[in-house]
C-alpha atoms as a PDB file:
ATOM      1  CA  MET A   1     -63.474 -15.842 -44.671  1.00  0.00           C
ATOM      2  CA  GLY A   2     -63.975 -19.250 -46.270  1.00  0.00           C
ATOM      3  CA  LYS A   3     -66.497 -21.914 -45.338  1.00  0.00           C
ATOM      4  CA  ARG A   4     -63.921 -23.748 -43.171  1.00  0.00           C
ATOM      5  CA  GLY A   5     -63.263 -20.652 -41.042  1.00  0.00           C
ATOM      6  CA  TYR A   6     -66.989 -19.996 -40.745  1.00  0.00           C
ATOM      7  CA  PHE A   7     -67.698 -23.504 -39.389  1.00  0.00           C
ATOM      8  CA  ILE A   8     -64.791 -23.253 -36.910  1.00  0.00           C
ATOM      9  CA  LEU A   9     -66.215 -20.003 -35.475  1.00  0.00           C
ATOM     10  CA  LEU A  10     -69.699 -21.523 -35.389  1.00  0.00           C
ATOM     11  CA  PHE A  11     -68.713 -24.568 -33.309  1.00  0.00           C
ATOM     12  CA  LEU A  12     -65.961 -22.927 -31.207  1.00  0.00           C
ATOM     13  CA  PRO A  13     -68.260 -21.961 -28.256  1.00  0.00           C
ATOM     14  CA  THR A  14     -69.643 -25.516 -28.115  1.00  0.00           C
ATOM     15  CA  LEU A  15     -66.138 -27.001 -28.088  1.00  0.00           C
ATOM     16  CA  LEU A  16     -65.036 -24.672 -25.287  1.00  0.00           C
ATOM     17  CA  VAL A  17     -68.054 -25.587 -23.126  1.00  0.00           C
ATOM     18  CA  PHE A  18     -67.428 -29.299 -23.732  1.00  0.00           C
ATOM     19  CA  CYS A  19     -63.762 -29.003 -22.757  1.00  0.00           C
ATOM     20  CA  CYS A  20     -64.617 -27.134 -19.570  1.00  0.00           C
ATOM     21  CA  LEU A  21     -67.239 -29.650 -18.487  1.00  0.00           C
ATOM     22  CA  LEU A  22     -65.188 -32.771 -19.244  1.00  0.00           C
ATOM     23  CA  PRO A  23     -62.978 -32.774 -16.098  1.00  0.00           C
ATOM     24  CA  SER A  24     -65.982 -32.268 -13.795  1.00  0.00           C
ATOM     25  CA  SER A  25     -68.168 -34.901 -15.409  1.00  0.00           C
ATOM     26  CA  GLY A  26     -67.562 -37.341 -12.540  1.00  0.00           C
ATOM     27  CA  GLY A  27     -66.062 -39.982 -14.776  1.00  0.00           C
ATOM     28  CA  LEU A  28     -62.504 -39.305 -13.601  1.00  0.00           C
ATOM     29  CA  LYS A  29     -61.417 -41.117 -10.432  1.00  0.00           C
ATOM     30  CA  GLN A  30     -58.727 -40.183  -7.945  1.00  0.00           C
ATOM     31  CA  VAL A  31     -55.780 -42.561  -8.210  1.00  0.00           C
ATOM     32  CA  CYS A  32     -53.002 -43.492  -5.799  1.00  0.00           C
ATOM     33  CA  LYS A  33     -49.819 -41.426  -6.050  1.00  0.00           C
ATOM     34  CA  SER A  34     -46.663 -42.452  -4.194  1.00  0.00           C
ATOM     35  CA  SER A  35     -45.643 -39.795  -1.680  1.00  0.00           C
ATOM     36  CA  GLY A  36     -41.871 -40.042  -1.998  1.00  0.00           C
ATOM     37  CA  GLY A  37     -39.566 -39.018   0.829  1.00  0.00           C
ATOM     38  CA  ARG A  38     -39.398 -41.587   3.609  1.00  0.00           C
ATOM     39  CA  PHE A  39     -42.608 -43.299   2.492  1.00  0.00           C
ATOM     40  CA  PRO A  40     -42.370 -46.529   0.415  1.00  0.00           C
ATOM     41  CA  PRO A  41     -44.049 -46.369  -3.023  1.00  0.00           C
ATOM     42  CA  PHE A  42     -47.594 -47.687  -3.416  1.00  0.00           C
ATOM     43  CA  LEU A  43     -47.990 -51.010  -5.163  1.00  0.00           C
ATOM     44  CA  SER A  44     -51.372 -49.644  -6.281  1.00  0.00           C
ATOM     45  CA  GLU A  45     -49.733 -46.627  -7.979  1.00  0.00           C
ATOM     46  CA  GLY A  46     -52.032 -45.278 -10.707  1.00  0.00           C
ATOM     47  CA  ASN A  47     -55.077 -47.226  -9.480  1.00  0.00           C
ATOM     48  CA  PRO A  48     -57.970 -45.942  -7.333  1.00  0.00           C
ATOM     49  CA  PRO A  49     -57.888 -46.714  -3.588  1.00  0.00           C
ATOM     50  CA  GLY A  50     -59.589 -49.949  -2.648  1.00  0.00           C
ATOM     51  CA  LYS A  51     -60.072 -52.668  -0.055  1.00  0.00           C
ATOM     52  CA  VAL A  52     -56.947 -54.551   1.018  1.00  0.00           C
ATOM     53  CA  ALA A  53     -57.123 -58.276   0.292  1.00  0.00           C
ATOM     54  CA  LYS A  54     -56.141 -60.741   3.003  1.00  0.00           C
ATOM     55  CA  GLY A  55     -52.746 -62.343   2.477  1.00  0.00           C
ATOM     56  CA  PRO A  56     -49.062 -61.410   2.587  1.00  0.00           C
ATOM     57  CA  ARG A  57     -49.768 -57.814   1.469  1.00  0.00           C
ATOM     58  CA  ASP A  58     -52.448 -57.223   4.102  1.00  0.00           C
ATOM     59  CA  LEU A  59     -52.118 -54.307   6.518  1.00  0.00           C
ATOM     60  CA  VAL A  60     -50.209 -55.108   9.708  1.00  0.00           C
ATOM     61  CA  PHE A  61     -51.241 -51.730  11.162  1.00  0.00           C
ATOM     62  CA  CYS A  62     -53.613 -48.817  10.460  1.00  0.00           C
ATOM     63  CA  GLY A  63     -56.491 -51.269  10.050  1.00  0.00           C
ATOM     64  CA  VAL A  64     -59.069 -48.487  10.296  1.00  0.00           C
ATOM     65  CA  PHE A  65     -58.322 -47.730   6.610  1.00  0.00           C
ATOM     66  CA  ARG A  66     -58.402 -51.360   5.423  1.00  0.00           C
ATOM     67  CA  LYS A  67     -61.646 -51.018   3.461  1.00  0.00           C
ATOM     68  CA  TYR A  68     -60.492 -48.093   1.327  1.00  0.00           C
ATOM     69  CA  THR A  69     -56.813 -47.207   1.012  1.00  0.00           C
ATOM     70  CA  CYS A  70     -53.730 -47.079  -1.196  1.00  0.00           C
ATOM     71  CA  CYS A  71     -51.655 -48.864   1.453  1.00  0.00           C
ATOM     72  CA  ASP A  72     -50.454 -52.400   1.944  1.00  0.00           C
ATOM     73  CA  VAL A  73     -47.858 -53.965   4.243  1.00  0.00           C
ATOM     74  CA  ALA A  74     -45.041 -51.906   2.668  1.00  0.00           C
ATOM     75  CA  GLN A  75     -46.437 -48.722   4.222  1.00  0.00           C
ATOM     76  CA  THR A  76     -47.901 -50.102   7.459  1.00  0.00           C
ATOM     77  CA  TYR A  77     -44.918 -52.156   8.654  1.00  0.00           C
ATOM     78  CA  PRO A  78     -42.610 -49.096   9.029  1.00  0.00           C
ATOM     79  CA  ALA A  79     -45.475 -47.326  10.833  1.00  0.00           C
ATOM     80  CA  LEU A  80     -45.806 -50.252  13.235  1.00  0.00           C
ATOM     81  CA  VAL A  81     -42.054 -50.285  13.928  1.00  0.00           C
ATOM     82  CA  SER A  82     -42.104 -46.545  14.587  1.00  0.00           C
ATOM     83  CA  VAL A  83     -44.909 -46.782  17.151  1.00  0.00           C
ATOM     84  CA  ARG A  84     -43.258 -49.774  18.857  1.00  0.00           C
ATOM     85  CA  LYS A  85     -40.030 -47.792  19.231  1.00  0.00           C
ATOM     86  CA  LEU A  86     -41.944 -44.875  20.686  1.00  0.00           C
ATOM     87  CA  ALA A  87     -43.662 -47.188  23.184  1.00  0.00           C
ATOM     88  CA  SER A  88     -40.419 -48.816  24.340  1.00  0.00           C
ATOM     89  CA  THR A  89     -37.191 -46.803  24.076  1.00  0.00           C
ATOM     90  CA  GLY A  90     -39.143 -43.625  23.310  1.00  0.00           C
ATOM     91  CA  GLN A  91     -40.915 -43.881  26.690  1.00  0.00           C
ATOM     92  CA  ALA A  92     -44.020 -42.115  25.384  1.00  0.00           C
ATOM     93  CA  ASN A  93     -47.267 -41.716  27.300  1.00  0.00           C
ATOM     94  CA  HIS A  94     -50.549 -43.156  25.985  1.00  0.00           C
ATOM     95  CA  GLU A  95     -51.773 -39.875  24.471  1.00  0.00           C
ATOM     96  CA  CYS A  96     -48.508 -39.466  22.567  1.00  0.00           C
ATOM     97  CA  LEU A  97     -48.662 -43.062  21.307  1.00  0.00           C
ATOM     98  CA  HIS A  98     -52.226 -42.735  20.033  1.00  0.00           C
ATOM     99  CA  LEU A  99     -51.554 -39.457  18.220  1.00  0.00           C
ATOM    100  CA  TRP A 100     -48.258 -40.693  16.773  1.00  0.00           C
ATOM    101  CA  GLU A 101     -50.081 -43.756  15.457  1.00  0.00           C
ATOM    102  CA  LEU A 102     -52.610 -41.456  13.784  1.00  0.00           C
ATOM    103  CA  LEU A 103     -49.747 -39.490  12.242  1.00  0.00           C
ATOM    104  CA  GLU A 104     -47.930 -42.571  10.921  1.00  0.00           C
ATOM    105  CA  CYS A 105     -51.181 -43.965   9.529  1.00  0.00           C
ATOM    106  CA  SER A 106     -51.939 -40.740   7.639  1.00  0.00           C
ATOM    107  CA  ILE A 107     -50.280 -42.253   4.560  1.00  0.00           C
ATOM    108  CA  CYS A 108     -53.132 -44.791   4.427  1.00  0.00           C
ATOM    109  CA  ASP A 109     -55.943 -42.238   4.377  1.00  0.00           C
ATOM    110  CA  PRO A 110     -57.272 -42.407   0.778  1.00  0.00           C
ATOM    111  CA  ARG A 111     -57.478 -38.605   0.579  1.00  0.00           C
ATOM    112  CA  VAL A 112     -53.781 -38.438   1.445  1.00  0.00           C
ATOM    113  CA  GLY A 113     -52.797 -41.313  -0.842  1.00  0.00           C
ATOM    114  CA  THR A 114     -54.322 -39.612  -3.881  1.00  0.00           C
ATOM    115  CA  GLN A 115     -52.461 -36.325  -3.358  1.00  0.00           C
ATOM    116  CA  ILE A 116     -49.021 -35.546  -4.761  1.00  0.00           C
ATOM    117  CA  GLY A 117     -46.151 -35.416  -2.277  1.00  0.00           C
ATOM    118  CA  PRO A 118     -45.765 -36.364   1.399  1.00  0.00           C
ATOM    119  CA  PRO A 119     -48.860 -36.385   3.665  1.00  0.00           C
ATOM    120  CA  VAL A 120     -50.163 -32.891   4.448  1.00  0.00           C
ATOM    121  CA  ILE A 121     -50.954 -32.540   8.163  1.00  0.00           C
ATOM    122  CA  CYS A 122     -53.109 -29.854   9.783  1.00  0.00           C
ATOM    123  CA  THR A 123     -51.273 -27.477  12.125  1.00  0.00           C
ATOM    124  CA  SER A 124     -53.797 -28.075  14.915  1.00  0.00           C
ATOM    125  CA  PHE A 125     -53.028 -31.794  14.935  1.00  0.00           C
ATOM    126  CA  CYS A 126     -49.260 -31.175  14.973  1.00  0.00           C
ATOM    127  CA  ASP A 127     -49.692 -28.862  17.964  1.00  0.00           C
ATOM    128  CA  SER A 128     -51.635 -31.543  19.855  1.00  0.00           C
ATOM    129  CA  LEU A 129     -48.972 -34.092  18.959  1.00  0.00           C
ATOM    130  CA  TRP A 130     -46.137 -31.854  20.184  1.00  0.00           C
ATOM    131  CA  LYS A 131     -47.825 -31.225  23.530  1.00  0.00           C
ATOM    132  CA  ALA A 132     -48.515 -34.943  24.042  1.00  0.00           C
ATOM    133  CA  CYS A 133     -45.019 -36.074  22.952  1.00  0.00           C
ATOM    134  CA  TYR A 134     -43.026 -33.246  24.500  1.00  0.00           C
ATOM    135  CA  ASP A 135     -41.145 -35.565  26.886  1.00  0.00           C
ATOM    136  CA  ALA A 136     -40.917 -38.616  24.582  1.00  0.00           C
ATOM    137  CA  PHE A 137     -37.475 -39.508  23.196  1.00  0.00           C
ATOM    138  CA  PHE A 138     -36.625 -39.048  19.526  1.00  0.00           C
ATOM    139  CA  SER A 139     -33.519 -39.139  17.356  1.00  0.00           C
ATOM    140  CA  PHE A 140     -32.492 -37.708  13.977  1.00  0.00           C
ATOM    141  CA  ASP A 141     -31.518 -40.265  11.336  1.00  0.00           C
ATOM    142  CA  SER A 142     -27.974 -39.464  10.216  1.00  0.00           C
ATOM    143  CA  LYS A 143     -28.732 -40.328   6.565  1.00  0.00           C
ATOM    144  CA  THR A 144     -32.237 -38.988   6.003  1.00  0.00           C
ATOM    145  CA  GLN A 145     -32.209 -36.269   8.692  1.00  0.00           C
ATOM    146  CA  ILE A 146     -35.732 -37.393   9.616  1.00  0.00           C
ATOM    147  CA  LEU A 147     -36.848 -37.184  13.247  1.00  0.00           C
ATOM    148  CA  SER A 148     -38.171 -40.541  14.487  1.00  0.00           C
ATOM    149  CA  PRO A 149     -38.726 -42.324  17.813  1.00  0.00           C
ATOM    150  CA  CYS A 150     -35.520 -43.292  19.589  1.00  0.00           C
ATOM    151  CA  GLY A 151     -34.406 -46.891  18.963  1.00  0.00           C
ATOM    152  CA  LEU A 152     -31.891 -49.186  20.634  1.00  0.00           C
ATOM    153  CA  GLU A 153     -29.397 -48.562  17.832  1.00  0.00           C
ATOM    154  CA  ASP A 154     -29.556 -44.766  18.175  1.00  0.00           C
ATOM    155  CA  ILE A 155     -26.618 -43.118  19.953  1.00  0.00           C
ATOM    156  CA  LEU A 156     -28.019 -39.623  20.476  1.00  0.00           C
ATOM    157  CA  CYS A 157     -31.595 -39.354  21.758  1.00  0.00           C
ATOM    158  CA  GLY A 158     -33.454 -36.450  23.283  1.00  0.00           C
ATOM    159  CA  ALA A 159     -36.935 -35.344  24.263  1.00  0.00           C
ATOM    160  CA  ALA A 160     -39.083 -33.889  21.483  1.00  0.00           C
ATOM    161  CA  GLY A 161     -39.147 -30.588  23.359  1.00  0.00           C
ATOM    162  CA  GLN A 162     -35.350 -30.419  23.065  1.00  0.00           C
ATOM    163  CA  TRP A 163     -35.266 -31.128  19.313  1.00  0.00           C
ATOM    164  CA  VAL A 164     -38.127 -28.877  18.159  1.00  0.00           C
ATOM    165  CA  SER A 165     -39.964 -25.882  19.591  1.00  0.00           C
ATOM    166  CA  ASN A 166     -43.505 -26.401  18.244  1.00  0.00           C
ATOM    167  CA  GLY A 167     -45.872 -28.793  16.482  1.00  0.00           C
ATOM    168  CA  THR A 168     -45.136 -27.515  12.980  1.00  0.00           C
ATOM    169  CA  GLU A 169     -41.429 -28.225  13.421  1.00  0.00           C
ATOM    170  CA  LEU A 170     -42.191 -31.677  14.827  1.00  0.00           C
ATOM    171  CA  CYS A 171     -44.322 -32.750  11.859  1.00  0.00           C
ATOM    172  CA  ARG A 172     -41.936 -31.261   9.284  1.00  0.00           C
ATOM    173  CA  SER A 173     -38.921 -32.874  10.959  1.00  0.00           C
ATOM    174  CA  ALA A 174     -40.760 -36.212  10.831  1.00  0.00           C
ATOM    175  CA  GLY A 175     -41.118 -35.943   7.029  1.00  0.00           C
ATOM    176  CA  PHE A 176     -44.580 -34.391   6.677  1.00  0.00           C
ATOM    177  CA  ILE A 177     -45.935 -31.176   5.158  1.00  0.00           C
ATOM    178  CA  VAL A 178     -47.888 -28.830   7.442  1.00  0.00           C
ATOM    179  CA  GLN A 179     -50.925 -26.774   6.408  1.00  0.00           C
ATOM    180  CA  PRO A 180     -52.714 -24.195   8.602  1.00  0.00           C
ATOM    181  CA  SER A 181     -56.303 -24.922   7.551  1.00  0.00           C
ATOM    182  CA  GLU A 182     -58.088 -28.191   6.842  1.00  0.00           C
ATOM    183  CA  TYR A 183     -58.619 -27.464   3.146  1.00  0.00           C
ATOM    184  CA  ASN A 184     -56.486 -25.201   0.972  1.00  0.00           C
ATOM    185  CA  VAL A 185     -58.961 -23.659  -1.488  1.00  0.00           C
ATOM    186  CA  VAL A 186     -56.251 -22.270  -3.770  1.00  0.00           C
ATOM    187  CA  GLU A 187     -54.276 -25.510  -4.129  1.00  0.00           C
ATOM    188  CA  LYS A 188     -57.334 -27.737  -3.514  1.00  0.00           C
ATOM    189  CA  GLN A 189     -55.312 -29.718  -0.976  1.00  0.00           C
ATOM    190  CA  PHE A 190     -56.735 -31.628   1.977  1.00  0.00           C
ATOM    191  CA  CYS A 191     -54.853 -31.730   5.285  1.00  0.00           C
ATOM    192  CA  TYR A 192     -55.005 -34.734   7.576  1.00  0.00           C
ATOM    193  CA  GLY A 193     -55.744 -34.405  11.287  1.00  0.00           C
ATOM    194  CA  GLY A 194     -58.401 -31.683  11.149  1.00  0.00           C
ATOM    195  CA  LYS A 195     -61.855 -32.073  12.638  1.00  0.00           C
ATOM    196  CA  MET A 196     -63.340 -33.474   9.419  1.00  0.00           C
ATOM    197  CA  SER A 197     -60.767 -36.255   9.020  1.00  0.00           C
ATOM    198  CA  LEU A 198     -60.666 -37.113  12.736  1.00  0.00           C
ATOM    199  CA  ASP A 199     -64.460 -37.323  12.880  1.00  0.00           C
ATOM    200  CA  SER A 200     -64.331 -39.726   9.946  1.00  0.00           C
ATOM    201  CA  ILE A 201     -61.689 -41.882  11.672  1.00  0.00           C
ATOM    202  CA  SER A 202     -63.650 -41.756  14.929  1.00  0.00           C
ATOM    203  CA  GLU A 203     -66.724 -43.053  13.108  1.00  0.00           C
ATOM    204  CA  SER A 204     -64.647 -45.887  11.644  1.00  0.00           C
ATOM    205  CA  TRP A 205     -63.374 -46.777  15.117  1.00  0.00           C
ATOM    206  CA  THR A 206     -66.963 -46.926  16.361  1.00  0.00           C
ATOM    207  CA  LYS A 207     -67.879 -49.337  13.570  1.00  0.00           C
ATOM    208  CA  SER A 208     -64.813 -51.470  14.262  1.00  0.00           C
ATOM    209  CA  SER A 209     -65.762 -51.590  17.958  1.00  0.00           C
ATOM    210  CA  THR A 210     -69.104 -53.100  16.941  1.00  0.00           C
ATOM    211  CA  SER A 211     -67.346 -55.782  14.915  1.00  0.00           C
ATOM    212  CA  GLU A 212     -64.971 -56.289  17.847  1.00  0.00           C
ATOM    213  CA  LEU A 213     -67.968 -57.080  20.055  1.00  0.00           C
ATOM    214  CA  SER A 214     -69.011 -59.869  17.715  1.00  0.00           C
ATOM    215  CA  ARG A 215     -65.394 -61.062  17.713  1.00  0.00           C
ATOM    216  CA  LYS A 216     -65.455 -61.172  21.523  1.00  0.00           C
ATOM    217  CA  THR A 217     -68.615 -63.286  21.408  1.00  0.00           C
ATOM    218  CA  GLU A 218     -66.821 -65.664  19.054  1.00  0.00           C
ATOM    219  CA  ILE A 219     -63.808 -65.859  21.391  1.00  0.00           C
ATOM    220  CA  MET A 220     -65.970 -66.509  24.473  1.00  0.00           C
ATOM    221  CA  SER A 221     -67.767 -69.259  22.574  1.00  0.00           C
ATOM    222  CA  SER A 222     -64.399 -70.834  21.781  1.00  0.00           C
ATOM    223  CA  LEU A 223     -63.421 -70.651  25.453  1.00  0.00           C
ATOM    224  CA  THR A 224     -66.644 -72.370  26.471  1.00  0.00           C
ATOM    225  CA  ASN A 225     -66.069 -75.142  23.945  1.00  0.00           C
ATOM    226  CA  PHE A 226     -62.501 -75.588  25.174  1.00  0.00           C
ATOM    227  CA  GLN A 227     -63.601 -75.794  28.816  1.00  0.00           C
ATOM    228  CA  GLN A 228     -66.284 -78.375  27.987  1.00  0.00           C
ATOM    229  CA  TRP A 229     -63.765 -80.450  26.079  1.00  0.00           C
ATOM    230  CA  PHE A 230     -61.278 -80.131  28.946  1.00  0.00           C
ATOM    231  CA  LYS A 231     -63.783 -81.518  31.492  1.00  0.00           C
ATOM    232  CA  LYS A 232     -64.250 -84.670  29.402  1.00  0.00           C
ATOM    233  CA  GLN A 233     -60.561 -85.587  29.431  1.00  0.00           C
ATOM    234  CA  GLU A 234     -59.173 -88.300  31.722  1.00  0.00           C
ATOM    235  CA  ILE A 235     -57.276 -87.264  34.865  1.00  0.00           C
ATOM    236  CA  THR A 236     -53.817 -87.891  33.374  1.00  0.00           C
ATOM    237  CA  GLN A 237     -54.709 -85.971  30.254  1.00  0.00           C
ATOM    238  CA  SER A 238     -56.219 -83.189  32.318  1.00  0.00           C
ATOM    239  CA  ILE A 239     -53.014 -82.739  34.290  1.00  0.00           C
ATOM    240  CA  SER A 240     -50.879 -82.495  31.145  1.00  0.00           C
ATOM    241  CA  TRP A 241     -53.303 -80.025  29.573  1.00  0.00           C
ATOM    242  CA  ALA A 242     -53.944 -77.925  32.693  1.00  0.00           C
ATOM    243  CA  VAL A 243     -51.125 -75.405  32.260  1.00  0.00           C
ATOM    244  CA  GLY A 244     -51.534 -75.131  28.501  1.00  0.00           C
ATOM    245  CA  GLY A 245     -55.274 -74.776  28.886  1.00  0.00           C
ATOM    246  CA  MET A 246     -54.944 -71.946  31.379  1.00  0.00           C
ATOM    247  CA  VAL A 247     -52.478 -70.137  29.143  1.00  0.00           C
ATOM    248  CA  LEU A 248     -54.721 -70.601  26.125  1.00  0.00           C
ATOM    249  CA  THR A 249     -57.972 -69.484  27.741  1.00  0.00           C
ATOM    250  CA  THR A 250     -56.469 -66.666  29.786  1.00  0.00           C
ATOM    251  CA  GLY A 251     -54.355 -65.448  26.884  1.00  0.00           C
ATOM    252  CA  MET A 252     -57.280 -65.350  24.482  1.00  0.00           C
ATOM    253  CA  TYR A 253     -59.452 -63.515  26.985  1.00  0.00           C
ATOM    254  CA  LEU A 254     -56.797 -61.012  28.089  1.00  0.00           C
ATOM    255  CA  ASN A 255     -55.745 -60.295  24.495  1.00  0.00           C
ATOM    256  CA  SER A 256     -59.362 -59.554  23.662  1.00  0.00           C
ATOM    257  CA  ARG A 257     -59.714 -57.202  26.637  1.00  0.00           C
ATOM    258  CA  ARG A 258     -56.401 -55.460  25.949  1.00  0.00           C
ATOM    259  CA  LYS A 259     -57.271 -54.905  22.307  1.00  0.00           C
ATOM    260  CA  ARG A 260     -60.698 -53.510  23.209  1.00  0.00           C
ATOM    261  CA  TYR A 261     -59.146 -51.214  25.834  1.00  0.00           C
ATOM    262  CA  ARG A 262     -56.555 -49.910  23.349  1.00  0.00           C
ATOM    263  CA  GLN A 263     -59.307 -49.202  20.821  1.00  0.00           C
ATOM    264  CA  GLN A 264     -61.278 -47.258  23.434  1.00  0.00           C
ATOM    265  CA  GLN A 265     -58.182 -45.218  24.329  1.00  0.00           C
ATOM    266  CA  LYS A 266     -57.411 -44.463  20.671  1.00  0.00           C
ATOM    267  CA  HIS A 267     -61.020 -43.444  20.081  1.00  0.00           C
ATOM    268  CA  ALA A 268     -60.863 -41.080  23.070  1.00  0.00           C
ATOM    269  CA  ALA A 269     -57.581 -39.572  21.829  1.00  0.00           C
ATOM    270  CA  ILE A 270     -59.075 -38.954  18.372  1.00  0.00           C
ATOM    271  CA  ILE A 271     -62.089 -37.185  19.882  1.00  0.00           C
ATOM    272  CA  ARG A 272     -59.869 -35.006  22.094  1.00  0.00           C
ATOM    273  CA  ALA A 273     -57.686 -34.031  19.131  1.00  0.00           C
ATOM    274  CA  ALA A 274     -60.747 -33.185  17.013  1.00  0.00           C
ATOM    275  CA  ARG A 275     -62.079 -30.817  19.698  1.00  0.00           C
ATOM    276  CA  ARG A 276     -58.875 -28.748  19.864  1.00  0.00           C
END
């Protein structure tokens, strides 16, 4: 054996150790990977998840993930449309709506956005969804063969319980992958909707409720300022502003209360799903 072969054998163990340690050094970051299927591609493809900037690409839905996600308006607008259909022509109850929103927003979870393929959903969550949405109306898209909430343009609609027989079928028919346990050790794949992910979302809702309280204070301050301004107007001006003022103040207040109530209901639905 020559000197070259001797040096190769001498440093081979060191090279092998270095190669094994390199991937786990912590320097590599998870990056966004478009899911394919019915989900629009990420604009942030190949980049790590991050905070969504305000502007035309801002989230119109799934705001709980705004601070750290792969999503923008391209993913959240279809999710919003889906939930609106379910609430109107789908005739879903509140529990079904909250869980379906969680399902549609799964694409925006950063752990989902950095995995290859469509969102992987935990079986337990799909079962809860099927029970809650059993009587809600859905329809199969003739082109994609994806099950989605019934819309005005759909000719053939039926209850979820008529289309599918269990939660796994419901999630798969809606374009998702289903996994029995929360973390697949062999494939190192996380599934959305298990206790760990729902607890995380629940914590985010709690934080957003705190910020909502400060928002309410801001709104009430605006109402007070408006009412003080209104009292200073002359009689003729007051008459012309009376209706508009009532609409403005009442609308702002009721919108605030409705939004807070919806958040409380969603939070309760998340906790119930996590306990199952």
